[in-house]
Amino acid sequence: MTSASAAGARRYPIRVDPMFRGLFAALGAGARHDVVELDGGRLRVRLGWLFRADVAVSAVTTAQLHADMYGGWGAHGFGGRWLVNGSSKGIVQLDFAPRQPARLLGVWPLRLRTLYVSLEDPGGFLDALGRPAAATS
């Protein structure tokens, strides 16, 4: 489900499986705080205080559905490739050029090359970006 804020931003909730909602809320990363937002030429990703990115939409070189990803939930990665998720389903892959800034735990700076994020409405998000929703393997 997508919502629009008073300022016209489109918000796409990060998908969090029911079994993890309590844990995410306890960590300060509940439904109100886990969102991908499109606002004009900006793309903002927030997983509570755990992960934040505010990047130019023009830096997105690839935006597509990705196969389900297993192996962890939260915000984790290395070498410019990061997974921000609360579910293995609804994964969208975003590639950036040049690398884009992000922050982990509010203090550690990151440079994103690829971001994988689980969304409640991955197709709606991709449509809003004007990108086809073709799945990859």
N, C-alpha and C. Protein backbone atom coordinates (compact mmCIF):
# COMPACT_ATOMS: atom_id res chain seq x y z
N MET A 1 0.85 -1.18 0.00
CA MET A 1 0.00 0.00 0.00
C MET A 1 0.89 1.24 0.00
N THR A 2 0.56 2.14 -0.87
CA THR A 2 1.32 3.37 -1.00
C THR A 2 0.53 4.50 -0.38
N SER A 3 1.22 5.43 0.21
CA SER A 3 0.54 6.61 0.72
C SER A 3 1.29 7.84 0.26
N ALA A 4 0.60 8.95 0.24
CA ALA A 4 1.23 10.22 -0.13
C ALA A 4 1.17 11.14 1.08
N SER A 5 2.28 11.80 1.35
CA SER A 5 2.31 12.74 2.47
C SER A 5 1.72 14.07 2.02
N ALA A 6 1.54 14.97 2.96
CA ALA A 6 0.99 16.28 2.64
C ALA A 6 1.86 17.03 1.64
N ALA A 7 3.15 16.77 1.66
CA ALA A 7 4.07 17.45 0.75
C ALA A 7 4.11 16.79 -0.62
N GLY A 8 3.34 15.70 -0.83
CA GLY A 8 3.29 15.04 -2.12
C GLY A 8 4.27 13.89 -2.29
N ALA A 9 5.00 13.54 -1.26
CA ALA A 9 5.93 12.41 -1.35
C ALA A 9 5.14 11.10 -1.40
N ARG A 10 5.62 10.16 -2.17
CA ARG A 10 5.02 8.83 -2.21
C ARG A 10 5.82 7.93 -1.27
N ARG A 11 5.09 7.23 -0.40
CA ARG A 11 5.73 6.38 0.61
C ARG A 11 5.41 4.92 0.32
N TYR A 12 6.44 4.08 0.38
CA TYR A 12 6.32 2.65 0.14
C TYR A 12 6.88 1.92 1.36
N PRO A 13 5.99 1.31 2.17
CA PRO A 13 6.46 0.63 3.38
C PRO A 13 7.41 -0.52 3.07
N ILE A 14 8.44 -0.64 3.89
CA ILE A 14 9.33 -1.79 3.82
C ILE A 14 8.56 -2.99 4.37
N ARG A 15 8.62 -4.08 3.64
CA ARG A 15 7.91 -5.29 4.05
C ARG A 15 8.63 -5.93 5.23
N VAL A 16 7.86 -6.17 6.29
CA VAL A 16 8.38 -6.85 7.48
C VAL A 16 7.42 -8.00 7.78
N ASP A 17 7.94 -9.22 7.79
CA ASP A 17 7.12 -10.39 8.08
C ASP A 17 6.55 -10.30 9.49
N PRO A 18 5.33 -10.81 9.69
CA PRO A 18 4.69 -10.72 11.01
C PRO A 18 5.55 -11.23 12.16
N MET A 19 6.33 -12.29 11.95
CA MET A 19 7.13 -12.83 13.05
C MET A 19 8.26 -11.90 13.49
N PHE A 20 8.60 -10.90 12.67
CA PHE A 20 9.68 -9.97 13.01
C PHE A 20 9.18 -8.59 13.43
N ARG A 21 7.88 -8.33 13.34
CA ARG A 21 7.36 -6.99 13.63
C ARG A 21 7.65 -6.57 15.07
N GLY A 22 7.48 -7.45 16.02
CA GLY A 22 7.75 -7.12 17.42
C GLY A 22 9.22 -6.78 17.64
N LEU A 23 10.10 -7.57 17.06
CA LEU A 23 11.53 -7.31 17.19
C LEU A 23 11.91 -5.98 16.55
N PHE A 24 11.41 -5.71 15.36
CA PHE A 24 11.71 -4.45 14.69
C PHE A 24 11.20 -3.27 15.52
N ALA A 25 9.98 -3.40 16.07
CA ALA A 25 9.42 -2.32 16.89
C ALA A 25 10.27 -2.10 18.14
N ALA A 26 10.74 -3.19 18.76
CA ALA A 26 11.58 -3.06 19.95
C ALA A 26 12.91 -2.38 19.64
N LEU A 27 13.37 -2.53 18.41
CA LEU A 27 14.62 -1.89 17.98
C LEU A 27 14.41 -0.47 17.45
N GLY A 28 13.17 0.01 17.51
CA GLY A 28 12.89 1.35 17.02
C GLY A 28 12.78 1.42 15.51
N ALA A 29 12.45 0.29 14.92
CA ALA A 29 12.31 0.23 13.46
C ALA A 29 10.98 -0.43 13.12
N GLY A 30 9.90 0.18 13.57
CA GLY A 30 8.57 -0.37 13.32
C GLY A 30 7.96 0.21 12.06
N ALA A 31 6.72 -0.14 11.80
CA ALA A 31 6.04 0.23 10.57
C ALA A 31 6.07 1.73 10.27
N ARG A 32 5.97 2.56 11.30
CA ARG A 32 6.00 4.02 11.06
C ARG A 32 7.37 4.51 10.62
N HIS A 33 8.40 3.71 10.89
CA HIS A 33 9.77 4.16 10.65
C HIS A 33 10.49 3.42 9.53
N ASP A 34 9.82 2.46 8.89
CA ASP A 34 10.44 1.65 7.85
C ASP A 34 9.77 1.97 6.52
N VAL A 35 10.47 2.76 5.70
CA VAL A 35 9.80 3.26 4.50
C VAL A 35 10.81 3.63 3.42
N VAL A 36 10.36 3.51 2.18
CA VAL A 36 11.06 4.08 1.04
C VAL A 36 10.16 5.19 0.53
N GLU A 37 10.74 6.33 0.29
CA GLU A 37 9.96 7.51 -0.08
C GLU A 37 10.52 8.11 -1.36
N LEU A 38 9.61 8.44 -2.28
CA LEU A 38 9.97 9.19 -3.49
C LEU A 38 9.39 10.58 -3.35
N ASP A 39 10.25 11.56 -3.43
CA ASP A 39 9.83 12.95 -3.26
C ASP A 39 10.57 13.80 -4.29
N GLY A 40 9.88 14.12 -5.37
CA GLY A 40 10.53 14.87 -6.43
C GLY A 40 11.68 14.06 -7.00
N GLY A 41 12.85 14.60 -6.98
CA GLY A 41 14.03 13.90 -7.50
C GLY A 41 14.82 13.15 -6.45
N ARG A 42 14.24 12.93 -5.26
CA ARG A 42 14.94 12.27 -4.16
C ARG A 42 14.32 10.91 -3.86
N LEU A 43 15.17 9.98 -3.48
CA LEU A 43 14.78 8.66 -3.03
C LEU A 43 15.33 8.51 -1.61
N ARG A 44 14.43 8.30 -0.66
CA ARG A 44 14.85 8.16 0.74
C ARG A 44 14.47 6.77 1.23
N VAL A 45 15.41 6.12 1.89
CA VAL A 45 15.20 4.80 2.47
C VAL A 45 15.51 4.90 3.95
N ARG A 46 14.58 4.39 4.77
CA ARG A 46 14.77 4.48 6.22
C ARG A 46 14.30 3.18 6.87
N LEU A 47 15.16 2.57 7.63
CA LEU A 47 14.81 1.44 8.47
C LEU A 47 15.06 1.88 9.90
N GLY A 48 14.07 2.62 10.44
CA GLY A 48 14.23 3.20 11.78
C GLY A 48 15.51 4.00 11.86
N TRP A 49 16.26 3.81 12.93
CA TRP A 49 17.56 4.48 13.11
C TRP A 49 18.70 3.58 12.63
N LEU A 50 18.35 2.36 12.15
CA LEU A 50 19.36 1.40 11.74
C LEU A 50 20.02 1.74 10.41
N PHE A 51 19.24 2.28 9.48
CA PHE A 51 19.76 2.55 8.14
C PHE A 51 19.01 3.73 7.54
N ARG A 52 19.76 4.62 6.90
CA ARG A 52 19.17 5.76 6.20
C ARG A 52 19.96 6.07 4.94
N ALA A 53 19.22 6.39 3.89
CA ALA A 53 19.84 6.85 2.65
C ALA A 53 18.94 7.93 2.06
N ASP A 54 19.53 8.93 1.49
CA ASP A 54 18.83 10.02 0.82
C ASP A 54 19.63 10.30 -0.44
N VAL A 55 19.15 9.80 -1.57
CA VAL A 55 19.93 9.84 -2.81
C VAL A 55 19.12 10.46 -3.95
N ALA A 56 19.82 10.86 -4.97
CA ALA A 56 19.18 11.41 -6.16
C ALA A 56 18.59 10.27 -7.00
N VAL A 57 17.34 10.41 -7.40
CA VAL A 57 16.71 9.42 -8.28
C VAL A 57 17.51 9.30 -9.58
N SER A 58 18.11 10.38 -10.02
CA SER A 58 18.89 10.35 -11.27
C SER A 58 20.11 9.44 -11.18
N ALA A 59 20.53 9.07 -9.97
CA ALA A 59 21.68 8.16 -9.79
C ALA A 59 21.27 6.69 -9.91
N VAL A 60 19.97 6.41 -9.99
CA VAL A 60 19.50 5.03 -10.11
C VAL A 60 19.71 4.57 -11.56
N THR A 61 20.57 3.56 -11.73
CA THR A 61 20.82 3.04 -13.08
C THR A 61 20.00 1.79 -13.36
N THR A 62 19.67 1.03 -12.33
CA THR A 62 18.84 -0.16 -12.44
C THR A 62 17.84 -0.15 -11.31
N ALA A 63 16.59 -0.45 -11.64
CA ALA A 63 15.55 -0.62 -10.63
C ALA A 63 14.67 -1.75 -11.12
N GLN A 64 14.71 -2.88 -10.42
CA GLN A 64 13.98 -4.05 -10.88
C GLN A 64 13.65 -4.98 -9.73
N LEU A 65 12.65 -5.84 -9.98
CA LEU A 65 12.37 -6.89 -9.01
C LEU A 65 13.55 -7.83 -8.96
N HIS A 66 13.77 -8.40 -7.80
CA HIS A 66 14.86 -9.35 -7.62
C HIS A 66 14.28 -10.62 -7.01
N ALA A 67 14.92 -11.73 -7.25
CA ALA A 67 14.48 -12.99 -6.66
C ALA A 67 14.49 -12.86 -5.14
N ASP A 68 13.67 -13.67 -4.48
CA ASP A 68 13.63 -13.67 -3.02
C ASP A 68 15.04 -13.88 -2.47
N MET A 69 15.32 -13.22 -1.35
CA MET A 69 16.64 -13.32 -0.71
C MET A 69 16.48 -13.82 0.71
N TYR A 70 17.25 -14.83 1.04
CA TYR A 70 17.20 -15.42 2.38
C TYR A 70 18.54 -15.21 3.06
N GLY A 71 18.55 -15.27 4.37
CA GLY A 71 19.82 -15.23 5.07
C GLY A 71 19.95 -14.12 6.09
N GLY A 72 18.92 -13.34 6.31
CA GLY A 72 19.00 -12.32 7.34
C GLY A 72 17.99 -11.22 7.12
N TRP A 73 17.65 -10.56 8.20
CA TRP A 73 16.70 -9.46 8.16
C TRP A 73 17.28 -8.30 8.93
N GLY A 74 17.07 -7.10 8.43
CA GLY A 74 17.62 -5.90 9.04
C GLY A 74 18.34 -5.07 7.99
N ALA A 75 19.52 -4.59 8.31
CA ALA A 75 20.35 -3.82 7.38
C ALA A 75 21.75 -4.40 7.44
N HIS A 76 22.19 -4.99 6.34
CA HIS A 76 23.49 -5.62 6.33
C HIS A 76 24.07 -5.64 4.92
N GLY A 77 25.38 -5.61 4.85
CA GLY A 77 26.03 -5.65 3.56
C GLY A 77 27.52 -5.40 3.69
N PHE A 78 28.16 -5.25 2.52
CA PHE A 78 29.59 -5.04 2.48
C PHE A 78 29.97 -4.61 1.07
N GLY A 79 30.98 -3.79 0.96
CA GLY A 79 31.53 -3.42 -0.34
C GLY A 79 30.57 -2.68 -1.25
N GLY A 80 29.64 -1.93 -0.66
CA GLY A 80 28.72 -1.15 -1.47
C GLY A 80 27.42 -1.85 -1.80
N ARG A 81 27.28 -3.13 -1.44
CA ARG A 81 26.03 -3.89 -1.67
C ARG A 81 25.35 -4.11 -0.33
N TRP A 82 24.12 -3.59 -0.20
CA TRP A 82 23.41 -3.65 1.07
C TRP A 82 22.01 -4.19 0.88
N LEU A 83 21.56 -4.97 1.86
CA LEU A 83 20.22 -5.51 1.93
C LEU A 83 19.53 -4.88 3.13
N VAL A 84 18.40 -4.22 2.88
CA VAL A 84 17.59 -3.61 3.93
C VAL A 84 16.23 -4.29 3.84
N ASN A 85 15.92 -5.13 4.82
CA ASN A 85 14.71 -5.93 4.69
C ASN A 85 14.17 -6.40 6.03
N GLY A 86 12.90 -6.74 5.98
CA GLY A 86 12.22 -7.38 7.08
C GLY A 86 11.51 -8.63 6.58
N SER A 87 11.80 -8.97 5.32
CA SER A 87 11.19 -10.11 4.67
C SER A 87 12.10 -10.58 3.54
N SER A 88 11.91 -11.82 3.15
CA SER A 88 12.63 -12.35 1.99
C SER A 88 11.87 -12.09 0.70
N LYS A 89 10.68 -11.59 0.80
CA LYS A 89 9.79 -11.37 -0.35
C LYS A 89 9.74 -9.89 -0.73
N GLY A 90 9.32 -9.63 -1.96
CA GLY A 90 9.13 -8.25 -2.42
C GLY A 90 10.42 -7.47 -2.57
N ILE A 91 11.50 -8.14 -2.93
CA ILE A 91 12.81 -7.49 -3.01
C ILE A 91 12.94 -6.70 -4.31
N VAL A 92 13.36 -5.46 -4.17
CA VAL A 92 13.68 -4.59 -5.30
C VAL A 92 15.18 -4.33 -5.28
N GLN A 93 15.80 -4.42 -6.44
CA GLN A 93 17.23 -4.13 -6.59
C GLN A 93 17.38 -2.74 -7.19
N LEU A 94 18.18 -1.91 -6.54
CA LEU A 94 18.50 -0.58 -7.03
C LEU A 94 20.01 -0.48 -7.18
N ASP A 95 20.47 -0.20 -8.38
CA ASP A 95 21.90 0.03 -8.63
C ASP A 95 22.09 1.52 -8.83
N PHE A 96 23.24 2.02 -8.36
CA PHE A 96 23.52 3.45 -8.41
C PHE A 96 24.86 3.73 -9.10
N ALA A 97 24.89 4.82 -9.83
CA ALA A 97 26.15 5.34 -10.38
C ALA A 97 26.02 6.85 -10.43
N PRO A 98 26.93 7.54 -9.79
CA PRO A 98 28.00 7.02 -8.95
C PRO A 98 27.43 6.45 -7.65
N ARG A 99 28.31 5.87 -6.84
CA ARG A 99 27.88 5.36 -5.54
C ARG A 99 27.24 6.48 -4.74
N GLN A 100 26.28 6.10 -3.91
CA GLN A 100 25.49 7.08 -3.17
C GLN A 100 25.70 6.93 -1.66
N PRO A 101 25.59 8.04 -0.93
CA PRO A 101 25.82 7.99 0.52
C PRO A 101 24.64 7.39 1.28
N ALA A 102 24.96 6.72 2.38
CA ALA A 102 23.97 6.19 3.31
C ALA A 102 24.64 6.14 4.68
N ARG A 103 23.83 5.85 5.70
CA ARG A 103 24.37 5.74 7.06
C ARG A 103 23.79 4.51 7.72
N LEU A 104 24.67 3.82 8.44
CA LEU A 104 24.29 2.66 9.24
C LEU A 104 24.36 3.07 10.70
N LEU A 105 23.31 2.77 11.46
CA LEU A 105 23.23 3.10 12.89
C LEU A 105 23.43 4.58 13.15
N GLY A 106 23.15 5.39 12.15
CA GLY A 106 23.23 6.84 12.29
C GLY A 106 24.62 7.42 12.28
N VAL A 107 25.66 6.59 12.35
CA VAL A 107 27.01 7.13 12.46
C VAL A 107 27.98 6.63 11.40
N TRP A 108 27.83 5.39 10.94
CA TRP A 108 28.80 4.86 9.97
C TRP A 108 28.39 5.20 8.55
N PRO A 109 29.24 5.96 7.86
CA PRO A 109 28.93 6.30 6.48
C PRO A 109 29.17 5.12 5.54
N LEU A 110 28.29 4.98 4.57
CA LEU A 110 28.38 3.94 3.56
C LEU A 110 28.34 4.58 2.18
N ARG A 111 28.81 3.86 1.19
CA ARG A 111 28.70 4.27 -0.21
C ARG A 111 27.98 3.15 -0.94
N LEU A 112 26.72 3.39 -1.33
CA LEU A 112 25.89 2.37 -1.96
C LEU A 112 26.19 2.24 -3.45
N ARG A 113 26.47 1.01 -3.85
CA ARG A 113 26.55 0.65 -5.26
C ARG A 113 25.25 -0.06 -5.66
N THR A 114 24.80 -0.96 -4.77
CA THR A 114 23.56 -1.71 -4.97
C THR A 114 22.82 -1.78 -3.65
N LEU A 115 21.53 -1.53 -3.70
CA LEU A 115 20.67 -1.65 -2.53
C LEU A 115 19.54 -2.60 -2.88
N TYR A 116 19.36 -3.61 -2.03
CA TYR A 116 18.22 -4.51 -2.13
C TYR A 116 17.30 -4.16 -0.97
N VAL A 117 16.02 -3.97 -1.25
CA VAL A 117 15.09 -3.58 -0.19
C VAL A 117 13.77 -4.34 -0.38
N SER A 118 13.21 -4.84 0.73
CA SER A 118 11.93 -5.56 0.68
C SER A 118 10.80 -4.54 0.82
N LEU A 119 9.86 -4.57 -0.12
CA LEU A 119 8.76 -3.61 -0.12
C LEU A 119 7.41 -4.31 -0.11
N GLU A 120 6.45 -3.67 0.54
CA GLU A 120 5.07 -4.16 0.51
C GLU A 120 4.49 -4.10 -0.91
N ASP A 121 4.86 -3.08 -1.67
CA ASP A 121 4.34 -2.87 -3.02
C ASP A 121 5.49 -2.62 -4.00
N PRO A 122 6.27 -3.66 -4.29
CA PRO A 122 7.42 -3.44 -5.17
C PRO A 122 7.01 -3.00 -6.57
N GLY A 123 5.92 -3.53 -7.09
CA GLY A 123 5.46 -3.13 -8.43
C GLY A 123 5.04 -1.68 -8.49
N GLY A 124 4.33 -1.21 -7.47
CA GLY A 124 3.91 0.19 -7.42
C GLY A 124 5.10 1.13 -7.33
N PHE A 125 6.10 0.72 -6.54
CA PHE A 125 7.32 1.52 -6.42
C PHE A 125 8.03 1.62 -7.77
N LEU A 126 8.20 0.48 -8.44
CA LEU A 126 8.87 0.49 -9.74
C LEU A 126 8.08 1.30 -10.77
N ASP A 127 6.76 1.20 -10.73
CA ASP A 127 5.93 2.01 -11.63
C ASP A 127 6.16 3.50 -11.38
N ALA A 128 6.22 3.88 -10.11
CA ALA A 128 6.44 5.29 -9.77
C ALA A 128 7.80 5.79 -10.27
N LEU A 129 8.78 4.87 -10.30
CA LEU A 129 10.10 5.23 -10.84
C LEU A 129 10.11 5.22 -12.37
N GLY A 130 9.06 4.66 -12.97
CA GLY A 130 9.00 4.56 -14.42
C GLY A 130 9.86 3.43 -14.96
N ARG A 131 10.04 2.39 -14.16
CA ARG A 131 10.87 1.24 -14.55
C ARG A 131 10.01 0.00 -14.69
N PRO A 132 10.32 -0.86 -15.65
CA PRO A 132 9.55 -2.10 -15.79
C PRO A 132 9.76 -3.02 -14.60
N ALA A 133 8.74 -3.80 -14.28
CA ALA A 133 8.79 -4.69 -13.11
C ALA A 133 9.16 -6.11 -13.53
N ALA A 134 10.17 -6.29 -14.37
CA ALA A 134 10.61 -7.61 -14.79
C ALA A 134 11.51 -8.21 -13.72
N ALA A 135 11.25 -9.46 -13.37
CA ALA A 135 12.03 -10.15 -12.32
C ALA A 135 13.37 -10.61 -12.87
N THR A 136 14.36 -10.67 -11.99
CA THR A 136 15.66 -11.23 -12.33
C THR A 136 15.83 -12.53 -11.59
N SER A 137 16.83 -13.25 -11.91
CA SER A 137 17.08 -14.51 -11.21
C SER A 137 18.10 -14.32 -10.13
